[in-house]
Amino acid sequence: MNIICTFEVNKKINSMNWTDIFNGLGHFFQWTFKIVKHFGGTPNIFFWVIIVSLIFVWLYMQGKFNKAAKAKGSLK
């Protein structure tokens, strides 16, 4: 079953180029950094706590997987 859809647009289509995309990203980052600036060092501490916590979770899980593999005899 073939469905053919056609649309006619009588308005001028604005084209976007790579410069517009990168300028938009730059404006977005400048805006977010202005907001983060008001928080001081708190976001850094927050992200470090998350990273360190996830490292410990990863190490704990890896230890469990190693024990299970050693019990099965599949640990090389």
N, C-alpha and C. Protein backbone atom coordinates (compact mmCIF):
# COMPACT_ATOMS: atom_id res chain seq x y z
N MET A 1 0.85 -1.17 0.00
CA MET A 1 0.00 0.00 0.00
C MET A 1 0.90 1.24 0.00
N ASN A 2 0.77 2.04 -0.98
CA ASN A 2 1.57 3.26 -1.08
C ASN A 2 0.72 4.46 -0.71
N ILE A 3 1.27 5.25 0.16
CA ILE A 3 0.59 6.48 0.56
C ILE A 3 1.48 7.63 0.12
N ILE A 4 0.93 8.53 -0.64
CA ILE A 4 1.67 9.67 -1.14
C ILE A 4 1.05 10.92 -0.54
N CYS A 5 1.88 11.66 0.15
CA CYS A 5 1.42 12.91 0.75
C CYS A 5 2.16 14.06 0.08
N THR A 6 1.43 15.03 -0.33
CA THR A 6 2.07 16.22 -0.88
C THR A 6 1.59 17.44 -0.10
N PHE A 7 2.51 18.34 0.13
CA PHE A 7 2.19 19.57 0.83
C PHE A 7 2.66 20.73 -0.01
N GLU A 8 1.82 21.71 -0.12
CA GLU A 8 2.22 22.92 -0.81
C GLU A 8 2.38 24.03 0.22
N VAL A 9 3.52 24.65 0.19
CA VAL A 9 3.80 25.72 1.13
C VAL A 9 4.01 26.99 0.33
N ASN A 10 3.19 27.97 0.62
CA ASN A 10 3.28 29.24 -0.10
C ASN A 10 4.19 30.23 0.62
N LYS A 11 4.73 29.82 1.76
CA LYS A 11 5.60 30.72 2.51
C LYS A 11 7.04 30.44 2.15
N LYS A 12 7.85 31.46 2.28
CA LYS A 12 9.28 31.30 2.03
C LYS A 12 9.88 30.48 3.17
N ILE A 13 10.67 29.49 2.82
CA ILE A 13 11.32 28.65 3.82
C ILE A 13 12.67 29.27 4.17
N ASN A 14 12.87 29.52 5.45
CA ASN A 14 14.14 30.07 5.91
C ASN A 14 15.14 28.93 6.00
N SER A 15 16.27 29.11 5.39
CA SER A 15 17.28 28.07 5.44
C SER A 15 18.18 28.30 6.66
N MET A 16 18.67 27.21 7.21
CA MET A 16 19.56 27.28 8.34
C MET A 16 20.90 26.66 7.94
N ASN A 17 21.96 27.34 8.28
CA ASN A 17 23.27 26.81 7.95
C ASN A 17 24.02 26.46 9.23
N TRP A 18 25.25 25.93 9.09
CA TRP A 18 26.03 25.49 10.24
C TRP A 18 26.37 26.65 11.17
N THR A 19 26.56 27.83 10.62
CA THR A 19 26.88 28.98 11.46
C THR A 19 25.75 29.28 12.42
N ASP A 20 24.51 29.18 11.93
CA ASP A 20 23.36 29.41 12.80
C ASP A 20 23.30 28.38 13.92
N ILE A 21 23.61 27.14 13.61
CA ILE A 21 23.57 26.08 14.61
C ILE A 21 24.63 26.32 15.68
N PHE A 22 25.87 26.61 15.27
CA PHE A 22 26.94 26.82 16.23
C PHE A 22 26.73 28.09 17.05
N ASN A 23 26.21 29.14 16.42
CA ASN A 23 25.90 30.36 17.17
C ASN A 23 24.81 30.10 18.19
N GLY A 24 23.81 29.33 17.82
CA GLY A 24 22.75 28.97 18.75
C GLY A 24 23.27 28.18 19.94
N LEU A 25 24.16 27.22 19.65
CA LEU A 25 24.77 26.46 20.74
C LEU A 25 25.61 27.35 21.65
N GLY A 26 26.35 28.26 21.04
CA GLY A 26 27.17 29.18 21.82
C GLY A 26 26.33 30.06 22.73
N HIS A 27 25.22 30.59 22.22
CA HIS A 27 24.33 31.42 23.03
C HIS A 27 23.72 30.60 24.17
N PHE A 28 23.37 29.34 23.88
CA PHE A 28 22.79 28.47 24.90
C PHE A 28 23.80 28.23 26.02
N PHE A 29 25.06 27.92 25.67
CA PHE A 29 26.07 27.67 26.68
C PHE A 29 26.38 28.92 27.49
N GLN A 30 26.42 30.07 26.84
CA GLN A 30 26.66 31.31 27.58
C GLN A 30 25.53 31.57 28.58
N TRP A 31 24.31 31.29 28.17
CA TRP A 31 23.17 31.47 29.05
C TRP A 31 23.24 30.53 30.25
N THR A 32 23.57 29.24 30.00
CA THR A 32 23.64 28.29 31.11
C THR A 32 24.80 28.61 32.04
N PHE A 33 25.94 29.08 31.52
CA PHE A 33 27.06 29.39 32.38
C PHE A 33 26.78 30.62 33.25
N LYS A 34 25.97 31.55 32.75
CA LYS A 34 25.58 32.69 33.59
C LYS A 34 24.77 32.21 34.78
N ILE A 35 23.91 31.23 34.56
CA ILE A 35 23.10 30.69 35.65
C ILE A 35 23.99 29.92 36.63
N VAL A 36 24.88 29.08 36.12
CA VAL A 36 25.75 28.26 36.97
C VAL A 36 26.70 29.15 37.79
N LYS A 37 27.07 30.29 37.24
CA LYS A 37 27.98 31.20 37.93
C LYS A 37 27.42 31.64 39.28
N HIS A 38 26.10 31.77 39.37
CA HIS A 38 25.46 32.21 40.60
C HIS A 38 25.50 31.14 41.69
N PHE A 39 25.68 29.88 41.31
CA PHE A 39 25.72 28.79 42.29
C PHE A 39 27.10 28.62 42.91
N GLY A 40 28.11 29.23 42.36
CA GLY A 40 29.47 29.12 42.89
C GLY A 40 30.03 27.73 42.63
N GLY A 41 30.62 27.13 43.67
CA GLY A 41 31.25 25.82 43.53
C GLY A 41 30.31 24.66 43.79
N THR A 42 29.06 24.93 44.11
CA THR A 42 28.12 23.86 44.45
C THR A 42 27.92 22.85 43.32
N PRO A 43 27.76 23.25 42.06
CA PRO A 43 27.60 22.24 41.00
C PRO A 43 28.82 21.33 40.88
N ASN A 44 30.02 21.88 41.09
CA ASN A 44 31.23 21.05 41.02
C ASN A 44 31.20 19.98 42.10
N ILE A 45 30.85 20.36 43.31
CA ILE A 45 30.77 19.39 44.41
C ILE A 45 29.70 18.35 44.11
N PHE A 46 28.57 18.79 43.61
CA PHE A 46 27.47 17.88 43.28
C PHE A 46 27.90 16.83 42.26
N PHE A 47 28.55 17.28 41.19
CA PHE A 47 28.96 16.33 40.15
C PHE A 47 30.07 15.41 40.64
N TRP A 48 30.99 15.91 41.48
CA TRP A 48 32.04 15.05 42.01
C TRP A 48 31.46 13.98 42.92
N VAL A 49 30.48 14.33 43.72
CA VAL A 49 29.84 13.33 44.59
C VAL A 49 29.17 12.26 43.75
N ILE A 50 28.48 12.65 42.70
CA ILE A 50 27.85 11.67 41.81
C ILE A 50 28.90 10.77 41.16
N ILE A 51 29.96 11.35 40.64
CA ILE A 51 31.00 10.57 39.95
C ILE A 51 31.65 9.57 40.91
N VAL A 52 32.04 10.03 42.08
CA VAL A 52 32.69 9.15 43.04
C VAL A 52 31.74 8.05 43.50
N SER A 53 30.48 8.39 43.73
CA SER A 53 29.49 7.38 44.12
C SER A 53 29.33 6.32 43.05
N LEU A 54 29.24 6.74 41.80
CA LEU A 54 29.09 5.77 40.71
C LEU A 54 30.33 4.91 40.52
N ILE A 55 31.51 5.45 40.80
CA ILE A 55 32.73 4.64 40.74
C ILE A 55 32.67 3.53 41.79
N PHE A 56 32.24 3.88 43.01
CA PHE A 56 32.13 2.85 44.05
C PHE A 56 31.08 1.81 43.70
N VAL A 57 29.96 2.22 43.13
CA VAL A 57 28.94 1.26 42.70
C VAL A 57 29.52 0.34 41.63
N TRP A 58 30.23 0.90 40.67
CA TRP A 58 30.83 0.11 39.60
C TRP A 58 31.83 -0.91 40.16
N LEU A 59 32.68 -0.47 41.11
CA LEU A 59 33.65 -1.39 41.70
C LEU A 59 32.96 -2.50 42.50
N TYR A 60 31.91 -2.17 43.22
CA TYR A 60 31.14 -3.16 43.96
C TYR A 60 30.54 -4.20 43.02
N MET A 61 29.92 -3.74 41.95
CA MET A 61 29.31 -4.66 40.98
C MET A 61 30.36 -5.50 40.28
N GLN A 62 31.50 -4.90 39.96
CA GLN A 62 32.57 -5.65 39.31
C GLN A 62 33.08 -6.76 40.22
N GLY A 63 33.18 -6.47 41.52
CA GLY A 63 33.58 -7.49 42.49
C GLY A 63 32.59 -8.64 42.53
N LYS A 64 31.29 -8.32 42.50
CA LYS A 64 30.27 -9.38 42.47
C LYS A 64 30.39 -10.22 41.21
N PHE A 65 30.59 -9.58 40.07
CA PHE A 65 30.70 -10.32 38.80
C PHE A 65 31.95 -11.20 38.80
N ASN A 66 33.05 -10.71 39.37
CA ASN A 66 34.27 -11.50 39.43
C ASN A 66 34.09 -12.73 40.32
N LYS A 67 33.41 -12.55 41.47
CA LYS A 67 33.14 -13.69 42.36
C LYS A 67 32.28 -14.73 41.66
N ALA A 68 31.24 -14.29 40.96
CA ALA A 68 30.35 -15.22 40.25
C ALA A 68 31.11 -15.94 39.14
N ALA A 69 31.97 -15.23 38.42
CA ALA A 69 32.72 -15.85 37.34
C ALA A 69 33.77 -16.83 37.90
N LYS A 70 34.34 -16.48 39.04
CA LYS A 70 35.33 -17.38 39.66
C LYS A 70 34.64 -18.65 40.15
N ALA A 71 33.43 -18.53 40.68
CA ALA A 71 32.67 -19.69 41.15
C ALA A 71 32.31 -20.62 39.98
N LYS A 72 32.00 -20.03 38.84
CA LYS A 72 31.67 -20.83 37.65
C LYS A 72 32.92 -21.37 36.95
N GLY A 73 34.04 -20.80 37.28
CA GLY A 73 35.28 -21.20 36.62
C GLY A 73 35.50 -20.55 35.27
N SER A 74 34.78 -19.45 35.02
CA SER A 74 34.91 -18.77 33.73
C SER A 74 35.78 -17.51 33.81
N LEU A 75 36.36 -17.25 34.99
CA LEU A 75 37.21 -16.08 35.14
C LEU A 75 38.60 -16.40 34.62
N LYS A 76 39.10 -15.61 33.70
CA LYS A 76 40.42 -15.87 33.12
C LYS A 76 41.45 -14.99 33.75
